[in-house]
């Protein structure tokens, strides 16, 4: 995977928008002491590099009736069928994450179900037919930590100078 170094302006922008995805770009520009156009350019650059993957509203699964969160380790009868199994998992809306892993599991998935009975039905009716030799399920009672990677810990490519000539971070004068 490509690693991209970020300057201080990129990190500050990421910190602000990661804290509140609905923050107006003009407010980000004021906080960074640069023009709104510079923020738009930086956001576009971060998106094009794949650092930003869009913005979204987070739905609380429990509030809409999905009370059971489970992590399931999958053991495939035929591990060569990874890609086929992933395509089938994409068709199960309750599967919200799928990871290839090291260790004993061939895959590890995160799933939300309305309750334990619904979870059992998903495992029996939708997962087992995918060619599993077996699975191991762990039910989560509650997420104690759920956060994004800390932006302040990211490496800095070069210290940006707001007044540096040729920088796309125009200084805002009021």
C-alpha atoms as a PDB file:
ATOM      1  CA  UNK A   1       0.000   0.000   0.000  1.00  0.00           C
ATOM      2  CA  UNK A   2       1.200   3.475  -0.802  1.00  0.00           C
ATOM      3  CA  UNK A   3       2.162   5.638   2.141  1.00  0.00           C
ATOM      4  CA  UNK A   4       1.728   9.381   1.808  1.00  0.00           C
ATOM      5  CA  UNK A   5       3.507  11.881   3.990  1.00  0.00           C
ATOM      6  CA  UNK A   6       1.466  14.830   5.133  1.00  0.00           C
ATOM      7  CA  UNK A   7       2.513  18.357   5.995  1.00  0.00           C
ATOM      8  CA  UNK A   8       1.197  20.242   9.013  1.00  0.00           C
ATOM      9  CA  UNK A   9      -1.626  21.860   7.027  1.00  0.00           C
ATOM     10  CA  UNK A  10      -2.844  18.463   5.789  1.00  0.00           C
ATOM     11  CA  UNK A  11      -2.751  17.115   9.346  1.00  0.00           C
ATOM     12  CA  UNK A  12      -4.621  20.112  10.734  1.00  0.00           C
ATOM     13  CA  UNK A  13      -7.298  19.793   8.045  1.00  0.00           C
ATOM     14  CA  UNK A  14      -7.649  16.066   8.736  1.00  0.00           C
ATOM     15  CA  UNK A  15      -7.889  16.663  12.484  1.00  0.00           C
ATOM     16  CA  UNK A  16     -10.655  19.231  11.999  1.00  0.00           C
ATOM     17  CA  UNK A  17     -12.757  17.263   9.535  1.00  0.00           C
ATOM     18  CA  UNK A  18     -12.250  13.943  11.350  1.00  0.00           C
ATOM     19  CA  UNK A  19     -13.631  15.625  14.472  1.00  0.00           C
ATOM     20  CA  UNK A  20     -16.671  16.942  12.599  1.00  0.00           C
ATOM     21  CA  UNK A  21     -17.293  15.847   9.009  1.00  0.00           C
ATOM     22  CA  UNK A  22     -19.912  18.591   8.653  1.00  0.00           C
ATOM     23  CA  UNK A  23     -17.584  21.456   9.554  1.00  0.00           C
ATOM     24  CA  UNK A  24     -17.831  24.111   6.827  1.00  0.00           C
ATOM     25  CA  UNK A  25     -14.706  24.435   4.697  1.00  0.00           C
ATOM     26  CA  UNK A  26     -14.706  28.163   5.417  1.00  0.00           C
ATOM     27  CA  UNK A  27     -14.403  27.408   9.138  1.00  0.00           C
ATOM     28  CA  UNK A  28     -11.536  24.994   8.391  1.00  0.00           C
ATOM     29  CA  UNK A  29      -9.889  27.729   6.315  1.00  0.00           C
ATOM     30  CA  UNK A  30     -10.187  30.235   9.173  1.00  0.00           C
ATOM     31  CA  UNK A  31      -8.754  27.744  11.684  1.00  0.00           C
ATOM     32  CA  UNK A  32      -5.842  27.060   9.350  1.00  0.00           C
ATOM     33  CA  UNK A  33      -5.409  30.721   8.384  1.00  0.00           C
ATOM     34  CA  UNK A  34      -5.591  29.930   4.666  1.00  0.00           C
ATOM     35  CA  UNK A  35      -8.119  30.628   1.925  1.00  0.00           C
ATOM     36  CA  UNK A  36     -11.221  28.561   1.303  1.00  0.00           C
ATOM     37  CA  UNK A  37      -9.829  27.704  -2.133  1.00  0.00           C
ATOM     38  CA  UNK A  38      -6.693  26.274  -0.518  1.00  0.00           C
ATOM     39  CA  UNK A  39      -8.843  24.056   1.716  1.00  0.00           C
ATOM     40  CA  UNK A  40     -10.845  22.832  -1.269  1.00  0.00           C
ATOM     41  CA  UNK A  41      -7.604  22.049  -3.119  1.00  0.00           C
ATOM     42  CA  UNK A  42      -6.152  20.192  -0.141  1.00  0.00           C
ATOM     43  CA  UNK A  43      -9.355  18.215   0.458  1.00  0.00           C
ATOM     44  CA  UNK A  44      -9.406  17.269  -3.233  1.00  0.00           C
ATOM     45  CA  UNK A  45      -5.738  16.233  -3.069  1.00  0.00           C
ATOM     46  CA  UNK A  46      -6.339  14.114   0.062  1.00  0.00           C
ATOM     47  CA  UNK A  47      -9.348  12.503  -1.619  1.00  0.00           C
ATOM     48  CA  UNK A  48      -7.451  11.803  -4.860  1.00  0.00           C
ATOM     49  CA  UNK A  49      -4.627  10.194  -2.865  1.00  0.00           C
ATOM     50  CA  UNK A  50      -7.173   7.944  -1.150  1.00  0.00           C
ATOM     51  CA  UNK A  51      -6.380   9.371   2.296  1.00  0.00           C
ATOM     52  CA  UNK A  52      -9.941  10.660   2.591  1.00  0.00           C
ATOM     53  CA  UNK A  53     -12.595   8.163   1.649  1.00  0.00           C
ATOM     54  CA  UNK A  54     -15.581  10.460   1.704  1.00  0.00           C
ATOM     55  CA  UNK A  55     -17.839  11.421   4.567  1.00  0.00           C
ATOM     56  CA  UNK A  56     -20.838   9.679   5.995  1.00  0.00           C
ATOM     57  CA  UNK A  57     -23.408   9.712   8.717  1.00  0.00           C
ATOM     58  CA  UNK A  58     -22.924   6.893  11.220  1.00  0.00           C
ATOM     59  CA  UNK A  59     -26.098   4.959  11.998  1.00  0.00           C
ATOM     60  CA  UNK A  60     -26.202   3.448  15.483  1.00  0.00           C
ATOM     61  CA  UNK A  61     -27.197  -0.172  14.741  1.00  0.00           C
ATOM     62  CA  UNK A  62     -28.792  -0.678  18.156  1.00  0.00           C
ATOM     63  CA  UNK A  63     -31.048   2.362  17.725  1.00  0.00           C
ATOM     64  CA  UNK A  64     -32.487   0.890  14.510  1.00  0.00           C
ATOM     65  CA  UNK A  65     -33.073  -2.598  15.930  1.00  0.00           C
ATOM     66  CA  UNK A  66     -29.758  -4.424  15.487  1.00  0.00           C
ATOM     67  CA  UNK A  67     -28.982  -5.352  19.095  1.00  0.00           C
ATOM     68  CA  UNK A  68     -26.387  -8.075  18.475  1.00  0.00           C
ATOM     69  CA  UNK A  69     -22.883  -7.339  17.218  1.00  0.00           C
ATOM     70  CA  UNK A  70     -20.773 -10.412  16.497  1.00  0.00           C
ATOM     71  CA  UNK A  71     -17.326 -11.154  15.154  1.00  0.00           C
ATOM     72  CA  UNK A  72     -17.064 -14.438  13.301  1.00  0.00           C
ATOM     73  CA  UNK A  73     -13.922 -16.265  12.282  1.00  0.00           C
ATOM     74  CA  UNK A  74     -14.554 -18.266   9.121  1.00  0.00           C
ATOM     75  CA  UNK A  75     -12.747 -21.448   8.144  1.00  0.00           C
ATOM     76  CA  UNK A  76     -13.300 -22.260   4.469  1.00  0.00           C
ATOM     77  CA  UNK A  77     -13.493 -25.808   3.140  1.00  0.00           C
ATOM     78  CA  UNK A  78     -11.595 -24.552   0.097  1.00  0.00           C
ATOM     79  CA  UNK A  79      -9.471 -21.456   0.870  1.00  0.00           C
ATOM     80  CA  UNK A  80      -8.914 -20.962  -2.874  1.00  0.00           C
ATOM     81  CA  UNK A  81     -12.534 -19.720  -2.979  1.00  0.00           C
ATOM     82  CA  UNK A  82     -11.729 -16.507  -1.025  1.00  0.00           C
ATOM     83  CA  UNK A  83     -12.895 -14.183  -3.783  1.00  0.00           C
ATOM     84  CA  UNK A  84     -16.135 -16.103  -4.393  1.00  0.00           C
ATOM     85  CA  UNK A  85     -16.942 -16.129  -0.678  1.00  0.00           C
ATOM     86  CA  UNK A  86     -16.279 -12.378  -0.392  1.00  0.00           C
ATOM     87  CA  UNK A  87     -18.653 -11.703  -3.294  1.00  0.00           C
ATOM     88  CA  UNK A  88     -21.342 -13.742  -1.542  1.00  0.00           C
ATOM     89  CA  UNK A  89     -20.674 -12.021   1.795  1.00  0.00           C
ATOM     90  CA  UNK A  90     -21.256  -8.663   0.068  1.00  0.00           C
ATOM     91  CA  UNK A  91     -24.824  -9.829  -0.618  1.00  0.00           C
ATOM     92  CA  UNK A  92     -25.535 -10.258   3.116  1.00  0.00           C
ATOM     93  CA  UNK A  93     -26.414  -6.751   4.367  1.00  0.00           C
ATOM     94  CA  UNK A  94     -25.780  -7.638   8.017  1.00  0.00           C
ATOM     95  CA  UNK A  95     -22.088  -8.296   7.223  1.00  0.00           C
ATOM     96  CA  UNK A  96     -20.465  -4.883   7.685  1.00  0.00           C
ATOM     97  CA  UNK A  97     -16.758  -5.841   7.602  1.00  0.00           C
ATOM     98  CA  UNK A  98     -14.701  -8.667   6.147  1.00  0.00           C
ATOM     99  CA  UNK A  99     -10.978  -9.109   6.699  1.00  0.00           C
ATOM    100  CA  UNK A 100      -8.366 -11.514   5.416  1.00  0.00           C
ATOM    101  CA  UNK A 101      -6.312 -12.412   8.473  1.00  0.00           C
ATOM    102  CA  UNK A 102      -3.274 -14.222   9.717  1.00  0.00           C
ATOM    103  CA  UNK A 103      -3.668 -17.017  12.228  1.00  0.00           C
ATOM    104  CA  UNK A 104      -6.195 -19.794  12.144  1.00  0.00           C
ATOM    105  CA  UNK A 105      -9.110 -18.072  10.428  1.00  0.00           C
ATOM    106  CA  UNK A 106      -9.303 -17.744   6.676  1.00  0.00           C
ATOM    107  CA  UNK A 107     -11.511 -14.659   7.093  1.00  0.00           C
ATOM    108  CA  UNK A 108     -12.874 -12.597   9.938  1.00  0.00           C
ATOM    109  CA  UNK A 109     -16.200 -10.767   9.637  1.00  0.00           C
ATOM    110  CA  UNK A 110     -18.214  -8.313  11.681  1.00  0.00           C
ATOM    111  CA  UNK A 111     -21.955  -8.700  11.588  1.00  0.00           C
ATOM    112  CA  UNK A 112     -24.998  -6.981  13.105  1.00  0.00           C
ATOM    113  CA  UNK A 113     -28.178  -8.937  13.806  1.00  0.00           C
ATOM    114  CA  UNK A 114     -31.490  -7.960  15.346  1.00  0.00           C
ATOM    115  CA  UNK A 115     -30.986 -10.510  18.141  1.00  0.00           C
ATOM    116  CA  UNK A 116     -29.281 -13.836  18.848  1.00  0.00           C
ATOM    117  CA  UNK A 117     -31.976 -15.804  17.006  1.00  0.00           C
ATOM    118  CA  UNK A 118     -31.488 -13.655  13.900  1.00  0.00           C
ATOM    119  CA  UNK A 119     -27.706 -14.170  14.210  1.00  0.00           C
ATOM    120  CA  UNK A 120     -28.202 -17.940  14.354  1.00  0.00           C
ATOM    121  CA  UNK A 121     -30.350 -17.803  11.209  1.00  0.00           C
ATOM    122  CA  UNK A 122     -27.724 -15.769   9.343  1.00  0.00           C
ATOM    123  CA  UNK A 123     -24.965 -18.200  10.319  1.00  0.00           C
ATOM    124  CA  UNK A 124     -27.028 -21.282   9.487  1.00  0.00           C
ATOM    125  CA  UNK A 125     -28.882 -20.101   6.387  1.00  0.00           C
ATOM    126  CA  UNK A 126     -26.445 -17.657   4.768  1.00  0.00           C
ATOM    127  CA  UNK A 127     -22.908 -18.318   5.985  1.00  0.00           C
ATOM    128  CA  UNK A 128     -22.751 -22.120   6.167  1.00  0.00           C
ATOM    129  CA  UNK A 129     -23.826 -22.582   2.506  1.00  0.00           C
ATOM    130  CA  UNK A 130     -20.766 -20.534   1.431  1.00  0.00           C
ATOM    131  CA  UNK A 131     -18.559 -23.563   1.946  1.00  0.00           C
ATOM    132  CA  UNK A 132     -17.433 -23.176   5.546  1.00  0.00           C
ATOM    133  CA  UNK A 133     -15.800 -26.079   7.310  1.00  0.00           C
ATOM    134  CA  UNK A 134     -16.628 -24.269  10.559  1.00  0.00           C
ATOM    135  CA  UNK A 135     -16.879 -20.858  12.188  1.00  0.00           C
ATOM    136  CA  UNK A 136     -16.197 -19.304  15.583  1.00  0.00           C
ATOM    137  CA  UNK A 137     -18.488 -16.558  16.836  1.00  0.00           C
ATOM    138  CA  UNK A 138     -17.786 -13.964  19.510  1.00  0.00           C
ATOM    139  CA  UNK A 139     -20.613 -11.651  20.540  1.00  0.00           C
ATOM    140  CA  UNK A 140     -19.666  -8.115  21.542  1.00  0.00           C
ATOM    141  CA  UNK A 141     -21.496  -6.701  24.549  1.00  0.00           C
ATOM    142  CA  UNK A 142     -20.311  -3.138  23.910  1.00  0.00           C
ATOM    143  CA  UNK A 143     -17.525  -1.284  22.097  1.00  0.00           C
ATOM    144  CA  UNK A 144     -15.305   0.207  24.801  1.00  0.00           C
ATOM    145  CA  UNK A 145     -13.218   2.114  22.225  1.00  0.00           C
ATOM    146  CA  UNK A 146     -14.373   3.113  18.750  1.00  0.00           C
ATOM    147  CA  UNK A 147     -12.310   5.834  17.089  1.00  0.00           C
ATOM    148  CA  UNK A 148     -10.307   6.835  14.051  1.00  0.00           C
ATOM    149  CA  UNK A 149      -6.533   6.727  13.842  1.00  0.00           C
ATOM    150  CA  UNK A 150      -5.024   9.759  15.639  1.00  0.00           C
ATOM    151  CA  UNK A 151      -4.049  12.378  13.081  1.00  0.00           C
ATOM    152  CA  UNK A 152      -1.522  13.996  15.421  1.00  0.00           C
ATOM    153  CA  UNK A 153       0.567  10.796  15.318  1.00  0.00           C
ATOM    154  CA  UNK A 154       0.899  10.785  11.530  1.00  0.00           C
ATOM    155  CA  UNK A 155       4.364  11.554  10.137  1.00  0.00           C
ATOM    156  CA  UNK A 156       4.920  15.045   8.751  1.00  0.00           C
ATOM    157  CA  UNK A 157       6.534  15.360   5.323  1.00  0.00           C
ATOM    158  CA  UNK A 158       7.625  18.957   5.629  1.00  0.00           C
ATOM    159  CA  UNK A 159       6.657  21.809   7.880  1.00  0.00           C
ATOM    160  CA  UNK A 160       4.415  24.047   5.832  1.00  0.00           C
ATOM    161  CA  UNK A 161       5.045  27.754   5.906  1.00  0.00           C
ATOM    162  CA  UNK A 162       1.846  29.691   5.362  1.00  0.00           C
ATOM    163  CA  UNK A 163       3.685  32.432   3.513  1.00  0.00           C
ATOM    164  CA  UNK A 164       5.929  30.131   1.445  1.00  0.00           C
ATOM    165  CA  UNK A 165       5.932  31.210  -2.163  1.00  0.00           C
ATOM    166  CA  UNK A 166       4.230  28.780  -4.552  1.00  0.00           C
ATOM    167  CA  UNK A 167       2.390  26.922  -1.778  1.00  0.00           C
ATOM    168  CA  UNK A 168      -1.259  26.234  -2.494  1.00  0.00           C
ATOM    169  CA  UNK A 169      -2.025  27.335   1.069  1.00  0.00           C
ATOM    170  CA  UNK A 170      -2.792  30.981   0.484  1.00  0.00           C
ATOM    171  CA  UNK A 171      -2.672  33.144   3.584  1.00  0.00           C
ATOM    172  CA  UNK A 172      -5.998  34.738   4.422  1.00  0.00           C
ATOM    173  CA  UNK A 173      -5.872  38.398   5.335  1.00  0.00           C
ATOM    174  CA  UNK A 174      -8.916  39.901   6.948  1.00  0.00           C
END
